Amino acid sequence: MSEAFVVPTAGLIENLGTGCFVQIRDNDNLLWVEIVAVYQAEFKGRLHPKLNQGGCPFDEVNDILFCKEQITLLGCDRYCFC
């Protein structure tokens, strides 16, 4: 298993699909989500509070819409195997 997270590139983001885990910036929060749907301009992701370090405003599984510009890290080789 990789020790470092994967920094997203345009090419990697274009290849994301359902089951991929990404870290997103939502206002001042960094949240890990599992992609559950891919739309033309945005993604739908399921929040995984157990992966988020303290300060996560969500304490249960929720879905959230986000755009590719919000993606800060990829969970490849750690939370998913892209």
PDB file of N, CA and C in Angstrom:
ATOM      1  N   MET A   1       0.845  -1.175   0.000  1.00  0.00           N
ATOM      2  CA  MET A   1       0.000   0.000   0.000  1.00  0.00           C
ATOM      3  C   MET A   1       0.891   1.239   0.000  1.00  0.00           C
ATOM      4  N   SER A   2       0.514   2.207  -0.772  1.00  0.00           N
ATOM      5  CA  SER A   2       1.282   3.444  -0.893  1.00  0.00           C
ATOM      6  C   SER A   2       1.227   4.242   0.404  1.00  0.00           C
ATOM      7  N   GLU A   3       2.340   4.885   0.749  1.00  0.00           N
ATOM      8  CA  GLU A   3       2.384   5.735   1.938  1.00  0.00           C
ATOM      9  C   GLU A   3       1.875   7.148   1.650  1.00  0.00           C
ATOM     10  N   ALA A   4       2.046   7.603   0.421  1.00  0.00           N
ATOM     11  CA  ALA A   4       1.648   8.966   0.064  1.00  0.00           C
ATOM     12  C   ALA A   4       0.375   8.915  -0.778  1.00  0.00           C
ATOM     13  N   PHE A   5      -0.401   9.976  -0.671  1.00  0.00           N
ATOM     14  CA  PHE A   5      -1.596  10.073  -1.502  1.00  0.00           C
ATOM     15  C   PHE A   5      -1.209  10.596  -2.879  1.00  0.00           C
ATOM     16  N   VAL A   6      -2.041  10.333  -3.859  1.00  0.00           N
ATOM     17  CA  VAL A   6      -1.786  10.735  -5.237  1.00  0.00           C
ATOM     18  C   VAL A   6      -2.331  12.153  -5.440  1.00  0.00           C
ATOM     19  N   VAL A   7      -1.473  13.020  -5.972  1.00  0.00           N
ATOM     20  CA  VAL A   7      -1.882  14.386  -6.297  1.00  0.00           C
ATOM     21  C   VAL A   7      -2.614  14.329  -7.638  1.00  0.00           C
ATOM     22  N   PRO A   8      -3.794  14.929  -7.717  1.00  0.00           N
ATOM     23  CA  PRO A   8      -4.575  14.827  -8.953  1.00  0.00           C
ATOM     24  C   PRO A   8      -3.973  15.631 -10.102  1.00  0.00           C
ATOM     25  N   THR A   9      -4.016  15.034 -11.269  1.00  0.00           N
ATOM     26  CA  THR A   9      -3.670  15.736 -12.510  1.00  0.00           C
ATOM     27  C   THR A   9      -4.933  15.744 -13.364  1.00  0.00           C
ATOM     28  N   ALA A  10      -4.944  16.552 -14.386  1.00  0.00           N
ATOM     29  CA  ALA A  10      -6.118  16.624 -15.260  1.00  0.00           C
ATOM     30  C   ALA A  10      -6.449  15.247 -15.832  1.00  0.00           C
ATOM     31  N   GLY A  11      -5.434  14.513 -16.259  1.00  0.00           N
ATOM     32  CA  GLY A  11      -5.657  13.188 -16.832  1.00  0.00           C
ATOM     33  C   GLY A  11      -6.229  12.202 -15.830  1.00  0.00           C
ATOM     34  N   LEU A  12      -5.704  12.215 -14.610  1.00  0.00           N
ATOM     35  CA  LEU A  12      -6.215  11.313 -13.578  1.00  0.00           C
ATOM     36  C   LEU A  12      -7.656  11.653 -13.211  1.00  0.00           C
ATOM     37  N   ILE A  13      -7.962  12.937 -13.120  1.00  0.00           N
ATOM     38  CA  ILE A  13      -9.321  13.347 -12.781  1.00  0.00           C
ATOM     39  C   ILE A  13     -10.301  12.914 -13.876  1.00  0.00           C
ATOM     40  N   GLU A  14      -9.883  13.002 -15.124  1.00  0.00           N
ATOM     41  CA  GLU A  14     -10.760  12.597 -16.234  1.00  0.00           C
ATOM     42  C   GLU A  14     -11.071  11.107 -16.178  1.00  0.00           C
ATOM     43  N   ASN A  15     -10.201  10.312 -15.576  1.00  0.00           N
ATOM     44  CA  ASN A  15     -10.401   8.860 -15.508  1.00  0.00           C
ATOM     45  C   ASN A  15     -11.100   8.397 -14.241  1.00  0.00           C
ATOM     46  N   LEU A  16     -11.486   9.313 -13.358  1.00  0.00           N
ATOM     47  CA  LEU A  16     -12.177   8.917 -12.132  1.00  0.00           C
ATOM     48  C   LEU A  16     -13.546   8.350 -12.447  1.00  0.00           C
ATOM     49  N   GLY A  17     -13.945   7.382 -11.641  1.00  0.00           N
ATOM     50  CA  GLY A  17     -15.262   6.786 -11.829  1.00  0.00           C
ATOM     51  C   GLY A  17     -15.822   6.315 -10.510  1.00  0.00           C
ATOM     52  N   THR A  18     -16.945   5.637 -10.565  1.00  0.00           N
ATOM     53  CA  THR A  18     -17.574   5.158  -9.344  1.00  0.00           C
ATOM     54  C   THR A  18     -16.618   4.214  -8.612  1.00  0.00           C
ATOM     55  N   GLY A  19     -16.610   4.353  -7.296  1.00  0.00           N
ATOM     56  CA  GLY A  19     -15.734   3.543  -6.464  1.00  0.00           C
ATOM     57  C   GLY A  19     -14.416   4.203  -6.127  1.00  0.00           C
ATOM     58  N   CYS A  20     -14.053   5.273  -6.835  1.00  0.00           N
ATOM     59  CA  CYS A  20     -12.821   5.993  -6.534  1.00  0.00           C
ATOM     60  C   CYS A  20     -13.027   6.875  -5.303  1.00  0.00           C
ATOM     61  N   PHE A  21     -12.000   6.974  -4.483  1.00  0.00           N
ATOM     62  CA  PHE A  21     -12.034   7.849  -3.317  1.00  0.00           C
ATOM     63  C   PHE A  21     -11.197   9.083  -3.611  1.00  0.00           C
ATOM     64  N   VAL A  22     -11.742  10.247  -3.283  1.00  0.00           N
ATOM     65  CA  VAL A  22     -11.040  11.516  -3.470  1.00  0.00           C
ATOM     66  C   VAL A  22     -11.226  12.379  -2.235  1.00  0.00           C
ATOM     67  N   GLN A  23     -10.232  13.215  -1.997  1.00  0.00           N
ATOM     68  CA  GLN A  23     -10.379  14.219  -0.946  1.00  0.00           C
ATOM     69  C   GLN A  23     -10.792  15.506  -1.632  1.00  0.00           C
ATOM     70  N   ILE A  24     -11.816  16.164  -1.077  1.00  0.00           N
ATOM     71  CA  ILE A  24     -12.278  17.418  -1.660  1.00  0.00           C
ATOM     72  C   ILE A  24     -12.222  18.522  -0.620  1.00  0.00           C
ATOM     73  N   ARG A  25     -12.141  19.744  -1.117  1.00  0.00           N
ATOM     74  CA  ARG A  25     -12.222  20.919  -0.257  1.00  0.00           C
ATOM     75  C   ARG A  25     -13.654  21.440  -0.363  1.00  0.00           C
ATOM     76  N   ASP A  26     -14.320  21.505   0.789  1.00  0.00           N
ATOM     77  CA  ASP A  26     -15.666  22.046   0.873  1.00  0.00           C
ATOM     78  C   ASP A  26     -15.614  23.181   1.880  1.00  0.00           C
ATOM     79  N   ASN A  27     -15.552  24.408   1.377  1.00  0.00           N
ATOM     80  CA  ASN A  27     -15.315  25.596   2.205  1.00  0.00           C
ATOM     81  C   ASN A  27     -13.975  25.413   2.919  1.00  0.00           C
ATOM     82  N   ASP A  28     -13.952  25.386   4.244  1.00  0.00           N
ATOM     83  CA  ASP A  28     -12.689  25.222   4.974  1.00  0.00           C
ATOM     84  C   ASP A  28     -12.415  23.776   5.375  1.00  0.00           C
ATOM     85  N   ASN A  29     -13.245  22.846   4.925  1.00  0.00           N
ATOM     86  CA  ASN A  29     -13.108  21.443   5.313  1.00  0.00           C
ATOM     87  C   ASN A  29     -12.489  20.611   4.202  1.00  0.00           C
ATOM     88  N   LEU A  30     -11.663  19.648   4.592  1.00  0.00           N
ATOM     89  CA  LEU A  30     -11.153  18.641   3.672  1.00  0.00           C
ATOM     90  C   LEU A  30     -11.877  17.346   4.000  1.00  0.00           C
ATOM     91  N   LEU A  31     -12.562  16.775   3.006  1.00  0.00           N
ATOM     92  CA  LEU A  31     -13.415  15.619   3.222  1.00  0.00           C
ATOM     93  C   LEU A  31     -13.078  14.497   2.249  1.00  0.00           C
ATOM     94  N   TRP A  32     -13.083  13.259   2.725  1.00  0.00           N
ATOM     95  CA  TRP A  32     -12.916  12.104   1.848  1.00  0.00           C
ATOM     96  C   TRP A  32     -14.282  11.622   1.413  1.00  0.00           C
ATOM     97  N   VAL A  33     -14.442  11.429   0.110  1.00  0.00           N
ATOM     98  CA  VAL A  33     -15.694  10.943  -0.442  1.00  0.00           C
ATOM     99  C   VAL A  33     -15.420   9.819  -1.436  1.00  0.00           C
ATOM    100  N   GLU A  34     -16.369   8.921  -1.541  1.00  0.00           N
ATOM    101  CA  GLU A  34     -16.323   7.857  -2.541  1.00  0.00           C
ATOM    102  C   GLU A  34     -17.238   8.278  -3.673  1.00  0.00           C
ATOM    103  N   ILE A  35     -16.734   8.313  -4.879  1.00  0.00           N
ATOM    104  CA  ILE A  35     -17.541   8.720  -6.026  1.00  0.00           C
ATOM    105  C   ILE A  35     -18.601   7.657  -6.291  1.00  0.00           C
ATOM    106  N   VAL A  36     -19.861   8.099  -6.338  1.00  0.00           N
ATOM    107  CA  VAL A  36     -20.966   7.173  -6.598  1.00  0.00           C
ATOM    108  C   VAL A  36     -21.649   7.461  -7.940  1.00  0.00           C
ATOM    109  N   ALA A  37     -21.366   8.622  -8.530  1.00  0.00           N
ATOM    110  CA  ALA A  37     -21.912   8.954  -9.853  1.00  0.00           C
ATOM    111  C   ALA A  37     -21.049  10.036 -10.482  1.00  0.00           C
ATOM    112  N   VAL A  38     -20.939   9.967 -11.802  1.00  0.00           N
ATOM    113  CA  VAL A  38     -20.191  10.973 -12.560  1.00  0.00           C
ATOM    114  C   VAL A  38     -21.153  11.615 -13.548  1.00  0.00           C
ATOM    115  N   TYR A  39     -21.255  12.934 -13.460  1.00  0.00           N
ATOM    116  CA  TYR A  39     -22.088  13.699 -14.370  1.00  0.00           C
ATOM    117  C   TYR A  39     -21.169  14.504 -15.278  1.00  0.00           C
ATOM    118  N   GLN A  40     -21.719  15.233 -16.197  1.00  0.00           N
ATOM    119  CA  GLN A  40     -20.904  15.979 -17.156  1.00  0.00           C
ATOM    120  C   GLN A  40     -19.935  16.948 -16.482  1.00  0.00           C
ATOM    121  N   ALA A  41     -20.434  17.779 -15.586  1.00  0.00           N
ATOM    122  CA  ALA A  41     -19.589  18.823 -14.989  1.00  0.00           C
ATOM    123  C   ALA A  41     -19.310  18.604 -13.512  1.00  0.00           C
ATOM    124  N   GLU A  42     -19.885  17.569 -12.909  1.00  0.00           N
ATOM    125  CA  GLU A  42     -19.652  17.352 -11.487  1.00  0.00           C
ATOM    126  C   GLU A  42     -19.752  15.876 -11.119  1.00  0.00           C
ATOM    127  N   PHE A  43     -19.399  15.615  -9.880  1.00  0.00           N
ATOM    128  CA  PHE A  43     -19.434  14.269  -9.328  1.00  0.00           C
ATOM    129  C   PHE A  43     -20.412  14.238  -8.161  1.00  0.00           C
ATOM    130  N   LYS A  44     -20.936  13.052  -7.894  1.00  0.00           N
ATOM    131  CA  LYS A  44     -21.699  12.826  -6.672  1.00  0.00           C
ATOM    132  C   LYS A  44     -20.864  11.862  -5.840  1.00  0.00           C
ATOM    133  N   GLY A  45     -20.627  12.238  -4.592  1.00  0.00           N
ATOM    134  CA  GLY A  45     -19.795  11.408  -3.739  1.00  0.00           C
ATOM    135  C   GLY A  45     -20.440  11.138  -2.401  1.00  0.00           C
ATOM    136  N   ARG A  46     -20.125   9.984  -1.828  1.00  0.00           N
ATOM    137  CA  ARG A  46     -20.620   9.611  -0.508  1.00  0.00           C
ATOM    138  C   ARG A  46     -19.529   9.930   0.510  1.00  0.00           C
ATOM    139  N   LEU A  47     -19.871  10.786   1.457  1.00  0.00           N
ATOM    140  CA  LEU A  47     -18.920  11.163   2.508  1.00  0.00           C
ATOM    141  C   LEU A  47     -18.572   9.952   3.369  1.00  0.00           C
ATOM    142  N   HIS A  48     -17.307   9.846   3.740  1.00  0.00           N
ATOM    143  CA  HIS A  48     -16.846   8.770   4.620  1.00  0.00           C
ATOM    144  C   HIS A  48     -16.217   9.401   5.858  1.00  0.00           C
ATOM    145  N   PRO A  49     -17.034   9.733   6.858  1.00  0.00           N
ATOM    146  CA  PRO A  49     -16.541  10.422   8.055  1.00  0.00           C
ATOM    147  C   PRO A  49     -15.409   9.683   8.765  1.00  0.00           C
ATOM    148  N   LYS A  50     -15.401   8.349   8.700  1.00  0.00           N
ATOM    149  CA  LYS A  50     -14.358   7.590   9.395  1.00  0.00           C
ATOM    150  C   LYS A  50     -12.968   7.857   8.811  1.00  0.00           C
ATOM    151  N   LEU A  51     -12.892   8.331   7.570  1.00  0.00           N
ATOM    152  CA  LEU A  51     -11.604   8.645   6.950  1.00  0.00           C
ATOM    153  C   LEU A  51     -11.187  10.084   7.203  1.00  0.00           C
ATOM    154  N   ASN A  52     -12.137  10.910   7.622  1.00  0.00           N
ATOM    155  CA  ASN A  52     -11.857  12.327   7.829  1.00  0.00           C
ATOM    156  C   ASN A  52     -11.343  12.568   9.238  1.00  0.00           C
ATOM    157  N   GLN A  53     -10.272  13.317   9.330  1.00  0.00           N
ATOM    158  CA  GLN A  53      -9.720  13.653  10.638  1.00  0.00           C
ATOM    159  C   GLN A  53     -10.604  14.703  11.298  1.00  0.00           C
ATOM    160  N   GLY A  54     -10.505  14.853  12.602  1.00  0.00           N
ATOM    161  CA  GLY A  54     -11.309  15.796  13.373  1.00  0.00           C
ATOM    162  C   GLY A  54     -11.711  17.046  12.621  1.00  0.00           C
ATOM    163  N   GLY A  55     -12.794  17.614  13.010  1.00  0.00           N
ATOM    164  CA  GLY A  55     -13.268  18.825  12.358  1.00  0.00           C
ATOM    165  C   GLY A  55     -14.230  18.569  11.223  1.00  0.00           C
ATOM    166  N   CYS A  56     -14.480  17.280  10.917  1.00  0.00           N
ATOM    167  CA  CYS A  56     -15.438  16.971   9.857  1.00  0.00           C
ATOM    168  C   CYS A  56     -16.831  17.341  10.345  1.00  0.00           C
ATOM    169  N   PRO A  57     -17.549  18.165   9.599  1.00  0.00           N
ATOM    170  CA  PRO A  57     -18.865  18.611  10.056  1.00  0.00           C
ATOM    171  C   PRO A  57     -19.953  17.540   9.931  1.00  0.00           C
ATOM    172  N   PHE A  58     -19.622  16.394   9.351  1.00  0.00           N
ATOM    173  CA  PHE A  58     -20.612  15.341   9.140  1.00  0.00           C
ATOM    174  C   PHE A  58     -20.265  14.133   9.999  1.00  0.00           C
ATOM    175  N   ASP A  59     -21.249  13.588  10.690  1.00  0.00           N
ATOM    176  CA  ASP A  59     -20.990  12.428  11.529  1.00  0.00           C
ATOM    177  C   ASP A  59     -21.686  11.173  11.025  1.00  0.00           C
ATOM    178  N   GLU A  60     -22.275  11.258   9.853  1.00  0.00           N
ATOM    179  CA  GLU A  60     -22.901  10.084   9.257  1.00  0.00           C
ATOM    180  C   GLU A  60     -22.670  10.124   7.759  1.00  0.00           C
ATOM    181  N   VAL A  61     -22.976   9.014   7.098  1.00  0.00           N
ATOM    182  CA  VAL A  61     -22.773   8.938   5.653  1.00  0.00           C
ATOM    183  C   VAL A  61     -23.804   9.822   4.959  1.00  0.00           C
ATOM    184  N   ASN A  62     -23.325  10.719   4.123  1.00  0.00           N
ATOM    185  CA  ASN A  62     -24.157  11.623   3.333  1.00  0.00           C
ATOM    186  C   ASN A  62     -23.586  11.694   1.923  1.00  0.00           C
ATOM    187  N   ASP A  63     -24.410  12.097   0.978  1.00  0.00           N
ATOM    188  CA  ASP A  63     -23.937  12.311  -0.382  1.00  0.00           C
ATOM    189  C   ASP A  63     -23.778  13.810  -0.612  1.00  0.00           C
ATOM    190  N   ILE A  64     -22.822  14.154  -1.467  1.00  0.00           N
ATOM    191  CA  ILE A  64     -22.509  15.547  -1.740  1.00  0.00           C
ATOM    192  C   ILE A  64     -22.154  15.680  -3.219  1.00  0.00           C
ATOM    193  N   LEU A  65     -22.533  16.779  -3.827  1.00  0.00           N
ATOM    194  CA  LEU A  65     -22.123  17.085  -5.201  1.00  0.00           C
ATOM    195  C   LEU A  65     -20.886  17.964  -5.147  1.00  0.00           C
ATOM    196  N   PHE A  66     -19.926  17.715  -6.036  1.00  0.00           N
ATOM    197  CA  PHE A  66     -18.713  18.525  -6.083  1.00  0.00           C
ATOM    198  C   PHE A  66     -18.166  18.533  -7.496  1.00  0.00           C
ATOM    199  N   CYS A  67     -17.320  19.520  -7.782  1.00  0.00           N
ATOM    200  CA  CYS A  67     -16.711  19.635  -9.110  1.00  0.00           C
ATOM    201  C   CYS A  67     -15.232  19.249  -9.040  1.00  0.00           C
ATOM    202  N   LYS A  68     -14.647  19.024 -10.180  1.00  0.00           N
ATOM    203  CA  LYS A  68     -13.259  18.551 -10.220  1.00  0.00           C
ATOM    204  C   LYS A  68     -12.285  19.544  -9.604  1.00  0.00           C
ATOM    205  N   GLU A  69     -12.622  20.830  -9.623  1.00  0.00           N
ATOM    206  CA  GLU A  69     -11.729  21.835  -9.039  1.00  0.00           C
ATOM    207  C   GLU A  69     -11.629  21.708  -7.523  1.00  0.00           C
ATOM    208  N   GLN A  70     -12.568  21.017  -6.903  1.00  0.00           N
ATOM    209  CA  GLN A  70     -12.543  20.828  -5.458  1.00  0.00           C
ATOM    210  C   GLN A  70     -11.661  19.658  -5.024  1.00  0.00           C
ATOM    211  N   ILE A  71     -11.233  18.822  -5.962  1.00  0.00           N
ATOM    212  CA  ILE A  71     -10.457  17.627  -5.629  1.00  0.00           C
ATOM    213  C   ILE A  71      -9.029  18.021  -5.269  1.00  0.00           C
ATOM    214  N   THR A  72      -8.575  17.600  -4.081  1.00  0.00           N
ATOM    215  CA  THR A  72      -7.228  17.939  -3.620  1.00  0.00           C
ATOM    216  C   THR A  72      -6.284  16.741  -3.613  1.00  0.00           C
ATOM    217  N   LEU A  73      -6.797  15.547  -3.372  1.00  0.00           N
ATOM    218  CA  LEU A  73      -5.983  14.324  -3.363  1.00  0.00           C
ATOM    219  C   LEU A  73      -6.821  13.162  -3.879  1.00  0.00           C
ATOM    220  N   LEU A  74      -6.131  12.119  -4.363  1.00  0.00           N
ATOM    221  CA  LEU A  74      -6.789  10.889  -4.777  1.00  0.00           C
ATOM    222  C   LEU A  74      -6.435   9.792  -3.786  1.00  0.00           C
ATOM    223  N   GLY A  75      -7.348   8.873  -3.566  1.00  0.00           N
ATOM    224  CA  GLY A  75      -7.127   7.791  -2.621  1.00  0.00           C
ATOM    225  C   GLY A  75      -6.576   6.521  -3.247  1.00  0.00           C
ATOM    226  N   CYS A  76      -6.060   6.613  -4.466  1.00  0.00           N
ATOM    227  CA  CYS A  76      -5.544   5.446  -5.175  1.00  0.00           C
ATOM    228  C   CYS A  76      -4.486   4.713  -4.344  1.00  0.00           C
ATOM    229  N   ASP A  77      -4.552   3.384  -4.351  1.00  0.00           N
ATOM    230  CA  ASP A  77      -3.629   2.488  -3.661  1.00  0.00           C
ATOM    231  C   ASP A  77      -3.760   2.561  -2.134  1.00  0.00           C
ATOM    232  N   ARG A  78      -4.650   3.409  -1.638  1.00  0.00           N
ATOM    233  CA  ARG A  78      -4.841   3.483  -0.196  1.00  0.00           C
ATOM    234  C   ARG A  78      -6.286   3.163   0.161  1.00  0.00           C
ATOM    235  N   TYR A  79      -7.210   3.888  -0.432  1.00  0.00           N
ATOM    236  CA  TYR A  79      -8.631   3.651  -0.175  1.00  0.00           C
ATOM    237  C   TYR A  79      -9.308   2.971  -1.358  1.00  0.00           C
ATOM    238  N   CYS A  80      -8.714   3.074  -2.528  1.00  0.00           N
ATOM    239  CA  CYS A  80      -9.238   2.402  -3.712  1.00  0.00           C
ATOM    240  C   CYS A  80      -8.061   2.018  -4.596  1.00  0.00           C
ATOM    241  N   PHE A  81      -8.302   1.155  -5.545  1.00  0.00           N
ATOM    242  CA  PHE A  81      -7.230   0.670  -6.399  1.00  0.00           C
ATOM    243  C   PHE A  81      -7.548   1.006  -7.841  1.00  0.00           C
ATOM    244  N   CYS A  82      -7.175   2.248  -8.215  1.00  0.00           N
ATOM    245  CA  CYS A  82      -7.466   2.774  -9.550  1.00  0.00           C
ATOM    246  C   CYS A  82      -6.614   2.085 -10.605  1.00  0.00           C
TER     247      CYS A  82
END
